[in-house]
Amino acid sequence: GQAARMFDNMRAPAALLAGAIVPLGFFAAPKLDFYDSPREQFVKRLHYIVASIGICCELIAVVWSTVAVNKLNEAAVDPSKSLMELLQRDYELPWIGCNVHFIVGLMAFASLLVSYASVSFGSVSKPIACIVCAAECLMISVVNDGVVQGDGRAGGVRFGCNLFSLIKRYGVLL
């Protein structure tokens, strides 16, 4: 019940972001031109790389979530004291994988706004880059706060102390 809903809460936004990355990252992406400066060529190529990373991350988050929901509905699960304990005991890899890929994909999406603005809007791109970078910093701060709180109990279940520790834990679990 609750665990499946937690994964579903990740799946829909990840799918939405994957769908948003396609037009921004590929269809409306800045095209390489023979007359582009080396900097413009670099930014345009980087745009495609970041778009590819972003869409892959969001699709991986959708897959982690979908498979976890299926397993939660198919398999009998031993009782646990809390939802966080269940996730840590039986679904740590899918839960951390889903979260890491969602957040990295979200950061890639935001970065696409910067690269698109950089080649499309000239000097206006600098304030856009500052706004997007500030938003990314705030998003990371919000994630860090959620990670450090864990289940909210003193000595309770935590998967890490910040986003980067989650990424490291994900690498270890893989």
C-alpha atoms as a PDB file:
ATOM      1  CA  GLY A   1       0.000   0.000   0.000  1.00  0.00           C
ATOM      2  CA  GLN A   2       2.057   2.869   1.328  1.00  0.00           C
ATOM      3  CA  ALA A   3       5.362   1.762  -0.185  1.00  0.00           C
ATOM      4  CA  ALA A   4       3.778   1.356  -3.619  1.00  0.00           C
ATOM      5  CA  ARG A   5       2.336   4.872  -3.315  1.00  0.00           C
ATOM      6  CA  MET A   6       5.802   6.214  -2.446  1.00  0.00           C
ATOM      7  CA  PHE A   7       7.216   4.745  -5.645  1.00  0.00           C
ATOM      8  CA  ASP A   8       4.200   5.975  -7.620  1.00  0.00           C
ATOM      9  CA  ASN A   9       4.894   9.480  -6.274  1.00  0.00           C
ATOM     10  CA  MET A  10       8.247   9.278  -8.067  1.00  0.00           C
ATOM     11  CA  ARG A  11       7.062   7.599 -11.255  1.00  0.00           C
ATOM     12  CA  ALA A  12       4.600  10.233 -12.474  1.00  0.00           C
ATOM     13  CA  PRO A  13       6.923  13.248 -12.064  1.00  0.00           C
ATOM     14  CA  ALA A  14       9.812  11.310 -13.638  1.00  0.00           C
ATOM     15  CA  ALA A  15       7.669  10.421 -16.650  1.00  0.00           C
ATOM     16  CA  LEU A  16       6.507  14.034 -16.919  1.00  0.00           C
ATOM     17  CA  LEU A  17      10.094  15.295 -16.885  1.00  0.00           C
ATOM     18  CA  ALA A  18      11.174  12.700 -19.440  1.00  0.00           C
ATOM     19  CA  GLY A  19       8.408  13.981 -21.699  1.00  0.00           C
ATOM     20  CA  ALA A  20       9.511  17.591 -21.149  1.00  0.00           C
ATOM     21  CA  ILE A  21      13.156  16.850 -21.905  1.00  0.00           C
ATOM     22  CA  VAL A  22      12.395  15.467 -25.375  1.00  0.00           C
ATOM     23  CA  PRO A  23      11.204  18.741 -26.957  1.00  0.00           C
ATOM     24  CA  LEU A  24      13.606  21.022 -25.068  1.00  0.00           C
ATOM     25  CA  GLY A  25      16.559  18.702 -25.409  1.00  0.00           C
ATOM     26  CA  PHE A  26      16.113  17.534 -28.985  1.00  0.00           C
ATOM     27  CA  PHE A  27      13.300  19.068 -31.059  1.00  0.00           C
ATOM     28  CA  ALA A  28      13.860  22.699 -30.060  1.00  0.00           C
ATOM     29  CA  ALA A  29      17.550  22.223 -29.343  1.00  0.00           C
ATOM     30  CA  PRO A  30      19.995  24.669 -30.832  1.00  0.00           C
ATOM     31  CA  LYS A  31      21.334  23.255 -34.105  1.00  0.00           C
ATOM     32  CA  LEU A  32      25.027  23.176 -34.923  1.00  0.00           C
ATOM     33  CA  ASP A  33      25.941  25.658 -37.625  1.00  0.00           C
ATOM     34  CA  PHE A  34      29.102  26.007 -39.713  1.00  0.00           C
ATOM     35  CA  TYR A  35      29.494  29.629 -38.539  1.00  0.00           C
ATOM     36  CA  ASP A  36      29.231  28.855 -34.801  1.00  0.00           C
ATOM     37  CA  SER A  37      32.122  29.958 -32.640  1.00  0.00           C
ATOM     38  CA  PRO A  38      33.999  27.171 -30.814  1.00  0.00           C
ATOM     39  CA  ARG A  39      32.173  28.182 -27.608  1.00  0.00           C
ATOM     40  CA  GLU A  40      28.769  27.961 -29.306  1.00  0.00           C
ATOM     41  CA  GLN A  41      29.655  24.573 -30.789  1.00  0.00           C
ATOM     42  CA  PHE A  42      30.691  23.351 -27.344  1.00  0.00           C
ATOM     43  CA  VAL A  43      27.484  24.578 -25.665  1.00  0.00           C
ATOM     44  CA  LYS A  44      25.302  23.064 -28.391  1.00  0.00           C
ATOM     45  CA  ARG A  45      27.042  19.697 -28.156  1.00  0.00           C
ATOM     46  CA  LEU A  46      26.877  19.829 -24.372  1.00  0.00           C
ATOM     47  CA  HIS A  47      23.147  20.527 -24.644  1.00  0.00           C
ATOM     48  CA  TYR A  48      22.594  17.214 -26.464  1.00  0.00           C
ATOM     49  CA  ILE A  49      24.737  15.324 -23.951  1.00  0.00           C
ATOM     50  CA  VAL A  50      22.879  16.803 -20.969  1.00  0.00           C
ATOM     51  CA  ALA A  51      19.525  16.078 -22.649  1.00  0.00           C
ATOM     52  CA  SER A  52      20.551  12.465 -23.187  1.00  0.00           C
ATOM     53  CA  ILE A  53      21.663  12.104 -19.575  1.00  0.00           C
ATOM     54  CA  GLY A  54      18.460  13.739 -18.332  1.00  0.00           C
ATOM     55  CA  ILE A  55      16.072  11.587 -20.323  1.00  0.00           C
ATOM     56  CA  CYS A  56      17.973   8.403 -19.451  1.00  0.00           C
ATOM     57  CA  CYS A  57      17.912   9.281 -15.747  1.00  0.00           C
ATOM     58  CA  GLU A  58      14.189   9.967 -15.760  1.00  0.00           C
ATOM     59  CA  LEU A  59      13.419   6.777 -17.683  1.00  0.00           C
ATOM     60  CA  ILE A  60      15.567   4.759 -15.264  1.00  0.00           C
ATOM     61  CA  ALA A  61      13.626   6.329 -12.368  1.00  0.00           C
ATOM     62  CA  VAL A  62      10.378   5.246 -14.046  1.00  0.00           C
ATOM     63  CA  VAL A  63      11.709   1.697 -14.467  1.00  0.00           C
ATOM     64  CA  TRP A  64      12.946   1.447 -10.846  1.00  0.00           C
ATOM     65  CA  SER A  65       9.576   2.687  -9.645  1.00  0.00           C
ATOM     66  CA  THR A  66       7.499   0.458 -11.913  1.00  0.00           C
ATOM     67  CA  VAL A  67       9.411  -2.708 -11.043  1.00  0.00           C
ATOM     68  CA  ALA A  68       9.278  -1.900  -7.315  1.00  0.00           C
ATOM     69  CA  VAL A  69       5.502  -1.300  -7.432  1.00  0.00           C
ATOM     70  CA  ASN A  70       5.052  -4.584  -9.277  1.00  0.00           C
ATOM     71  CA  LYS A  71       7.149  -6.462  -6.715  1.00  0.00           C
ATOM     72  CA  LEU A  72       5.277  -4.827  -3.833  1.00  0.00           C
ATOM     73  CA  ASN A  73       1.989  -5.973  -5.358  1.00  0.00           C
ATOM     74  CA  GLU A  74       3.192  -9.468  -6.309  1.00  0.00           C
ATOM     75  CA  ALA A  75       5.297 -10.611  -3.368  1.00  0.00           C
ATOM     76  CA  ALA A  76       4.434 -11.125   0.265  1.00  0.00           C
ATOM     77  CA  VAL A  77       6.307  -8.652   2.445  1.00  0.00           C
ATOM     78  CA  ASP A  78       7.305  -9.322   6.033  1.00  0.00           C
ATOM     79  CA  PRO A  79       5.795  -6.837   8.504  1.00  0.00           C
ATOM     80  CA  SER A  80       7.918  -3.844   9.468  1.00  0.00           C
ATOM     81  CA  LYS A  81       7.724  -1.163  12.129  1.00  0.00           C
ATOM     82  CA  SER A  82       7.587   1.635   9.573  1.00  0.00           C
ATOM     83  CA  LEU A  83       7.507   2.367   5.881  1.00  0.00           C
ATOM     84  CA  MET A  84      11.109   3.613   5.988  1.00  0.00           C
ATOM     85  CA  GLU A  85      12.211   0.391   7.672  1.00  0.00           C
ATOM     86  CA  LEU A  86      10.516  -1.635   4.908  1.00  0.00           C
ATOM     87  CA  LEU A  87      12.182   0.463   2.210  1.00  0.00           C
ATOM     88  CA  GLN A  88      15.574   0.112   3.863  1.00  0.00           C
ATOM     89  CA  ARG A  89      15.219  -3.611   4.480  1.00  0.00           C
ATOM     90  CA  ASP A  90      13.683  -4.794   1.202  1.00  0.00           C
ATOM     91  CA  TYR A  91      13.782  -1.942  -1.315  1.00  0.00           C
ATOM     92  CA  GLU A  92      16.851   0.154  -0.565  1.00  0.00           C
ATOM     93  CA  LEU A  93      18.381  -0.140  -4.041  1.00  0.00           C
ATOM     94  CA  PRO A  94      15.167   0.645  -5.955  1.00  0.00           C
ATOM     95  CA  TRP A  95      14.269   3.492  -3.596  1.00  0.00           C
ATOM     96  CA  ILE A  96      17.668   5.164  -3.686  1.00  0.00           C
ATOM     97  CA  GLY A  97      18.044   4.464  -7.418  1.00  0.00           C
ATOM     98  CA  CYS A  98      14.665   6.000  -8.176  1.00  0.00           C
ATOM     99  CA  ASN A  99      15.432   9.110  -6.112  1.00  0.00           C
ATOM    100  CA  VAL A 100      18.973   9.607  -7.411  1.00  0.00           C
ATOM    101  CA  HIS A 101      17.940   9.266 -11.034  1.00  0.00           C
ATOM    102  CA  PHE A 102      14.943  11.548 -10.565  1.00  0.00           C
ATOM    103  CA  ILE A 103      17.015  14.331  -8.981  1.00  0.00           C
ATOM    104  CA  VAL A 104      19.911  14.032 -11.457  1.00  0.00           C
ATOM    105  CA  GLY A 105      17.415  14.105 -14.327  1.00  0.00           C
ATOM    106  CA  LEU A 106      15.729  17.143 -12.807  1.00  0.00           C
ATOM    107  CA  MET A 107      19.086  18.922 -12.567  1.00  0.00           C
ATOM    108  CA  ALA A 108      19.795  18.008 -16.198  1.00  0.00           C
ATOM    109  CA  PHE A 109      16.431  19.459 -17.237  1.00  0.00           C
ATOM    110  CA  ALA A 110      17.180  22.713 -15.448  1.00  0.00           C
ATOM    111  CA  SER A 111      20.638  22.801 -17.040  1.00  0.00           C
ATOM    112  CA  LEU A 112      19.031  22.480 -20.475  1.00  0.00           C
ATOM    113  CA  LEU A 113      17.298  25.788 -19.813  1.00  0.00           C
ATOM    114  CA  VAL A 114      20.706  27.388 -19.306  1.00  0.00           C
ATOM    115  CA  SER A 115      22.316  25.898 -22.409  1.00  0.00           C
ATOM    116  CA  TYR A 116      19.288  26.744 -24.545  1.00  0.00           C
ATOM    117  CA  ALA A 117      19.257  30.322 -23.269  1.00  0.00           C
ATOM    118  CA  SER A 118      23.004  30.614 -23.744  1.00  0.00           C
ATOM    119  CA  VAL A 119      22.816  30.085 -27.494  1.00  0.00           C
ATOM    120  CA  SER A 120      19.375  31.578 -28.094  1.00  0.00           C
ATOM    121  CA  PHE A 121      19.163  34.739 -25.999  1.00  0.00           C
ATOM    122  CA  GLY A 122      22.669  36.224 -25.933  1.00  0.00           C
ATOM    123  CA  SER A 123      23.402  38.450 -22.950  1.00  0.00           C
ATOM    124  CA  VAL A 124      20.032  37.695 -21.341  1.00  0.00           C
ATOM    125  CA  SER A 125      21.314  34.172 -20.759  1.00  0.00           C
ATOM    126  CA  LYS A 126      23.526  35.300 -17.848  1.00  0.00           C
ATOM    127  CA  PRO A 127      20.659  36.223 -15.507  1.00  0.00           C
ATOM    128  CA  ILE A 128      18.788  33.116 -16.668  1.00  0.00           C
ATOM    129  CA  ALA A 129      21.802  31.003 -15.757  1.00  0.00           C
ATOM    130  CA  CYS A 130      21.984  32.660 -12.327  1.00  0.00           C
ATOM    131  CA  ILE A 131      18.288  32.062 -11.672  1.00  0.00           C
ATOM    132  CA  VAL A 132      18.450  28.422 -12.753  1.00  0.00           C
ATOM    133  CA  CYS A 133      21.640  27.765 -10.768  1.00  0.00           C
ATOM    134  CA  ALA A 134      20.046  29.334  -7.681  1.00  0.00           C
ATOM    135  CA  ALA A 135      16.987  27.113  -8.167  1.00  0.00           C
ATOM    136  CA  GLU A 136      19.230  24.048  -8.528  1.00  0.00           C
ATOM    137  CA  CYS A 137      21.044  24.954  -5.302  1.00  0.00           C
ATOM    138  CA  LEU A 138      17.708  25.341  -3.516  1.00  0.00           C
ATOM    139  CA  MET A 139      16.495  21.986  -4.885  1.00  0.00           C
ATOM    140  CA  ILE A 140      19.663  20.275  -3.647  1.00  0.00           C
ATOM    141  CA  SER A 141      19.200  21.951  -0.256  1.00  0.00           C
ATOM    142  CA  VAL A 142      15.600  20.704  -0.031  1.00  0.00           C
ATOM    143  CA  VAL A 143      16.725  17.174  -0.964  1.00  0.00           C
ATOM    144  CA  ASN A 144      19.552  17.315   1.574  1.00  0.00           C
ATOM    145  CA  ASP A 145      17.101  18.373   4.285  1.00  0.00           C
ATOM    146  CA  GLY A 146      14.750  15.503   3.425  1.00  0.00           C
ATOM    147  CA  VAL A 147      17.582  12.964   3.347  1.00  0.00           C
ATOM    148  CA  VAL A 148      19.006  14.014   6.702  1.00  0.00           C
ATOM    149  CA  GLN A 149      15.551  13.910   8.333  1.00  0.00           C
ATOM    150  CA  GLY A 150      14.984  10.322   7.218  1.00  0.00           C
ATOM    151  CA  ASP A 151      11.904   8.986   8.955  1.00  0.00           C
ATOM    152  CA  GLY A 152      11.936  11.902  11.405  1.00  0.00           C
ATOM    153  CA  ARG A 153      12.687   9.822  14.492  1.00  0.00           C
ATOM    154  CA  ALA A 154      15.802  10.250  16.617  1.00  0.00           C
ATOM    155  CA  GLY A 155      18.052   7.337  15.687  1.00  0.00           C
ATOM    156  CA  GLY A 156      15.561   6.365  12.978  1.00  0.00           C
ATOM    157  CA  VAL A 157      16.042   5.160   9.424  1.00  0.00           C
ATOM    158  CA  ARG A 158      18.176   7.315   7.143  1.00  0.00           C
ATOM    159  CA  PHE A 159      19.615   6.487   3.758  1.00  0.00           C
ATOM    160  CA  GLY A 160      22.344   9.119   3.921  1.00  0.00           C
ATOM    161  CA  CYS A 161      23.191  12.621   5.080  1.00  0.00           C
ATOM    162  CA  ASN A 162      22.834  14.457   1.751  1.00  0.00           C
ATOM    163  CA  LEU A 163      22.297  13.965  -1.976  1.00  0.00           C
ATOM    164  CA  PHE A 164      25.919  13.115  -2.607  1.00  0.00           C
ATOM    165  CA  SER A 165      25.900  10.419   0.086  1.00  0.00           C
ATOM    166  CA  LEU A 166      22.792   8.961  -1.618  1.00  0.00           C
ATOM    167  CA  ILE A 167      24.642   8.885  -4.934  1.00  0.00           C
ATOM    168  CA  LYS A 168      27.588   7.176  -3.243  1.00  0.00           C
ATOM    169  CA  ARG A 169      25.297   4.656  -1.534  1.00  0.00           C
ATOM    170  CA  TYR A 170      23.607   3.942  -4.867  1.00  0.00           C
ATOM    171  CA  GLY A 171      26.988   3.188  -6.402  1.00  0.00           C
ATOM    172  CA  VAL A 172      27.822   0.827  -3.544  1.00  0.00           C
ATOM    173  CA  LEU A 173      24.478  -0.972  -3.842  1.00  0.00           C
ATOM    174  CA  LEU A 174      24.883  -1.448  -7.579  1.00  0.00           C
END
